[in-house]
């Protein structure tokens, strides 16, 4: 979603919370807050699915036949077969997710580490 739409949704949440603080319960407020909650939850789920929540790739190491990818708050250990070279980068295909690592966005030392088994 675009930034302005996200800001508008958060503003609607604040307006809804302000109305909720008035005495009594207003059903339009409940509907509004429920809708915004679902939209924010969906946005978060899509960000997780796309890999945006992982942050930048910090390090990549080969330990035997395993590839270890370290992001900001997450370390992933994958079999070597999960890494596939594709046009413009690498695709990491594991059972629960698929991740694209763009060559343009990777530092040279990380790119060399990922290319090692394919040379």
C-alpha atoms as a PDB file:
ATOM      1  CA  UNK A   1       0.000   0.000   0.000  1.00  0.00           C
ATOM      2  CA  UNK A   2       1.123   3.520  -0.525  1.00  0.00           C
ATOM      3  CA  UNK A   3       2.325   5.635   2.354  1.00  0.00           C
ATOM      4  CA  UNK A   4      -0.546   8.111   2.166  1.00  0.00           C
ATOM      5  CA  UNK A   5      -3.109   5.334   2.359  1.00  0.00           C
ATOM      6  CA  UNK A   6      -1.371   3.844   5.386  1.00  0.00           C
ATOM      7  CA  UNK A   7      -1.311   7.273   7.051  1.00  0.00           C
ATOM      8  CA  UNK A   8      -5.030   7.734   6.322  1.00  0.00           C
ATOM      9  CA  UNK A   9      -5.813   4.350   7.868  1.00  0.00           C
ATOM     10  CA  UNK A  10      -3.897   5.182  11.014  1.00  0.00           C
ATOM     11  CA  UNK A  11      -5.685   8.529  11.195  1.00  0.00           C
ATOM     12  CA  UNK A  12      -9.007   6.693  10.970  1.00  0.00           C
ATOM     13  CA  UNK A  13      -7.909   4.478  13.850  1.00  0.00           C
ATOM     14  CA  UNK A  14      -7.106   7.530  15.953  1.00  0.00           C
ATOM     15  CA  UNK A  15     -10.464   9.119  15.125  1.00  0.00           C
ATOM     16  CA  UNK A  16     -12.201   5.857  15.982  1.00  0.00           C
ATOM     17  CA  UNK A  17     -10.375   5.586  19.287  1.00  0.00           C
ATOM     18  CA  UNK A  18     -11.286   9.182  20.115  1.00  0.00           C
ATOM     19  CA  UNK A  19     -14.966   8.429  19.476  1.00  0.00           C
ATOM     20  CA  UNK A  20     -14.718   5.252  21.517  1.00  0.00           C
ATOM     21  CA  UNK A  21     -13.507   7.213  24.531  1.00  0.00           C
ATOM     22  CA  UNK A  22     -16.818   9.081  24.599  1.00  0.00           C
ATOM     23  CA  UNK A  23     -19.340   7.475  26.953  1.00  0.00           C
ATOM     24  CA  UNK A  24     -21.208   4.621  25.328  1.00  0.00           C
ATOM     25  CA  UNK A  25     -20.336   2.280  22.488  1.00  0.00           C
ATOM     26  CA  UNK A  26     -20.851   3.291  18.873  1.00  0.00           C
ATOM     27  CA  UNK A  27     -21.275   0.439  16.425  1.00  0.00           C
ATOM     28  CA  UNK A  28     -19.821   2.449  13.488  1.00  0.00           C
ATOM     29  CA  UNK A  29     -16.645   2.799  15.512  1.00  0.00           C
ATOM     30  CA  UNK A  30     -16.511  -0.954  16.022  1.00  0.00           C
ATOM     31  CA  UNK A  31     -16.958  -1.550  12.293  1.00  0.00           C
ATOM     32  CA  UNK A  32     -14.313   1.055  11.450  1.00  0.00           C
ATOM     33  CA  UNK A  33     -11.779  -0.336  13.903  1.00  0.00           C
ATOM     34  CA  UNK A  34     -12.437  -3.887  12.740  1.00  0.00           C
ATOM     35  CA  UNK A  35     -11.944  -2.896   9.104  1.00  0.00           C
ATOM     36  CA  UNK A  36      -8.710  -1.022   9.817  1.00  0.00           C
ATOM     37  CA  UNK A  37      -7.441  -3.926  11.916  1.00  0.00           C
ATOM     38  CA  UNK A  38      -8.055  -6.334   9.026  1.00  0.00           C
ATOM     39  CA  UNK A  39      -6.350  -4.027   6.524  1.00  0.00           C
ATOM     40  CA  UNK A  40      -3.289  -3.535   8.733  1.00  0.00           C
ATOM     41  CA  UNK A  41      -3.121  -7.280   9.439  1.00  0.00           C
ATOM     42  CA  UNK A  42      -3.356  -8.054   5.712  1.00  0.00           C
ATOM     43  CA  UNK A  43      -0.653  -5.489   4.945  1.00  0.00           C
ATOM     44  CA  UNK A  44       1.616  -7.082   7.546  1.00  0.00           C
ATOM     45  CA  UNK A  45       0.978 -10.583   6.183  1.00  0.00           C
ATOM     46  CA  UNK A  46       1.805  -9.467   2.636  1.00  0.00           C
ATOM     47  CA  UNK A  47       5.005  -7.792   3.842  1.00  0.00           C
ATOM     48  CA  UNK A  48       6.037 -11.002   5.585  1.00  0.00           C
ATOM     49  CA  UNK A  49       5.193 -13.065   2.503  1.00  0.00           C
ATOM     50  CA  UNK A  50       7.247 -10.784   0.249  1.00  0.00           C
ATOM     51  CA  UNK A  51      10.190 -10.833   2.666  1.00  0.00           C
ATOM     52  CA  UNK A  52      10.132  -7.107   3.353  1.00  0.00           C
ATOM     53  CA  UNK A  53      10.010  -7.685   7.087  1.00  0.00           C
ATOM     54  CA  UNK A  54      13.309  -9.580   7.113  1.00  0.00           C
ATOM     55  CA  UNK A  55      15.427  -6.496   6.562  1.00  0.00           C
ATOM     56  CA  UNK A  56      18.648  -6.517   4.549  1.00  0.00           C
ATOM     57  CA  UNK A  57      20.772  -9.630   4.191  1.00  0.00           C
ATOM     58  CA  UNK A  58      23.716  -9.179   6.580  1.00  0.00           C
ATOM     59  CA  UNK A  59      25.834 -12.269   5.972  1.00  0.00           C
ATOM     60  CA  UNK A  60      25.747 -15.480   3.978  1.00  0.00           C
ATOM     61  CA  UNK A  61      27.979 -18.447   4.816  1.00  0.00           C
ATOM     62  CA  UNK A  62      28.367 -21.973   3.540  1.00  0.00           C
ATOM     63  CA  UNK A  63      28.724 -24.548   6.307  1.00  0.00           C
ATOM     64  CA  UNK A  64      29.288 -27.867   4.577  1.00  0.00           C
ATOM     65  CA  UNK A  65      26.202 -28.483   2.438  1.00  0.00           C
ATOM     66  CA  UNK A  66      24.121 -25.843   4.251  1.00  0.00           C
ATOM     67  CA  UNK A  67      23.665 -22.181   3.434  1.00  0.00           C
ATOM     68  CA  UNK A  68      23.241 -19.862   6.417  1.00  0.00           C
ATOM     69  CA  UNK A  69      21.517 -16.532   5.662  1.00  0.00           C
ATOM     70  CA  UNK A  70      21.563 -13.936   8.443  1.00  0.00           C
ATOM     71  CA  UNK A  71      19.083 -11.056   8.294  1.00  0.00           C
ATOM     72  CA  UNK A  72      18.478  -8.364  10.938  1.00  0.00           C
ATOM     73  CA  UNK A  73      16.668 -10.536  13.442  1.00  0.00           C
ATOM     74  CA  UNK A  74      16.579 -13.927  11.766  1.00  0.00           C
ATOM     75  CA  UNK A  75      19.042 -16.660  10.856  1.00  0.00           C
ATOM     76  CA  UNK A  76      17.954 -19.213   8.250  1.00  0.00           C
ATOM     77  CA  UNK A  77      19.808 -22.491   7.603  1.00  0.00           C
ATOM     78  CA  UNK A  78      18.932 -24.051   4.242  1.00  0.00           C
ATOM     79  CA  UNK A  79      20.172 -27.008   2.213  1.00  0.00           C
ATOM     80  CA  UNK A  80      22.331 -26.117  -0.781  1.00  0.00           C
ATOM     81  CA  UNK A  81      19.607 -27.346  -3.128  1.00  0.00           C
ATOM     82  CA  UNK A  82      17.301 -24.536  -1.927  1.00  0.00           C
ATOM     83  CA  UNK A  83      19.432 -21.881  -3.673  1.00  0.00           C
ATOM     84  CA  UNK A  84      18.780 -21.533  -7.405  1.00  0.00           C
ATOM     85  CA  UNK A  85      20.410 -18.980  -9.717  1.00  0.00           C
ATOM     86  CA  UNK A  86      17.840 -17.053 -11.750  1.00  0.00           C
ATOM     87  CA  UNK A  87      18.035 -14.025 -14.016  1.00  0.00           C
ATOM     88  CA  UNK A  88      18.934 -11.008 -11.881  1.00  0.00           C
ATOM     89  CA  UNK A  89      19.782 -12.846  -8.680  1.00  0.00           C
ATOM     90  CA  UNK A  90      19.048 -15.957  -6.678  1.00  0.00           C
ATOM     91  CA  UNK A  91      15.836 -17.657  -5.659  1.00  0.00           C
ATOM     92  CA  UNK A  92      15.722 -19.378  -2.284  1.00  0.00           C
ATOM     93  CA  UNK A  93      12.985 -22.016  -2.393  1.00  0.00           C
ATOM     94  CA  UNK A  94      12.251 -23.767   0.871  1.00  0.00           C
ATOM     95  CA  UNK A  95       9.068 -25.506   1.972  1.00  0.00           C
ATOM     96  CA  UNK A  96       7.282 -22.632   3.759  1.00  0.00           C
ATOM     97  CA  UNK A  97       8.527 -19.704   1.663  1.00  0.00           C
ATOM     98  CA  UNK A  98      10.255 -18.476  -1.473  1.00  0.00           C
ATOM     99  CA  UNK A  99      12.668 -15.554  -1.382  1.00  0.00           C
ATOM    100  CA  UNK A 100      14.330 -13.592  -4.201  1.00  0.00           C
ATOM    101  CA  UNK A 101      17.778 -12.103  -3.580  1.00  0.00           C
ATOM    102  CA  UNK A 102      18.446  -9.439  -6.221  1.00  0.00           C
ATOM    103  CA  UNK A 103      22.057  -9.262  -7.422  1.00  0.00           C
ATOM    104  CA  UNK A 104      21.904  -5.468  -7.736  1.00  0.00           C
ATOM    105  CA  UNK A 105      21.082  -5.043  -4.052  1.00  0.00           C
ATOM    106  CA  UNK A 106      23.706  -7.447  -2.681  1.00  0.00           C
ATOM    107  CA  UNK A 107      27.226  -6.388  -1.692  1.00  0.00           C
ATOM    108  CA  UNK A 108      30.009  -7.976  -3.768  1.00  0.00           C
ATOM    109  CA  UNK A 109      31.265 -10.261  -0.972  1.00  0.00           C
ATOM    110  CA  UNK A 110      27.754 -11.674  -0.387  1.00  0.00           C
ATOM    111  CA  UNK A 111      27.256 -12.148  -4.116  1.00  0.00           C
ATOM    112  CA  UNK A 112      30.561 -14.036  -4.367  1.00  0.00           C
ATOM    113  CA  UNK A 113      29.582 -16.239  -1.415  1.00  0.00           C
ATOM    114  CA  UNK A 114      26.252 -17.138  -3.012  1.00  0.00           C
ATOM    115  CA  UNK A 115      27.847 -17.829  -6.422  1.00  0.00           C
ATOM    116  CA  UNK A 116      30.506 -20.178  -5.007  1.00  0.00           C
ATOM    117  CA  UNK A 117      28.695 -23.508  -5.628  1.00  0.00           C
ATOM    118  CA  UNK A 118      27.734 -22.501  -9.182  1.00  0.00           C
ATOM    119  CA  UNK A 119      31.232 -21.593 -10.396  1.00  0.00           C
END
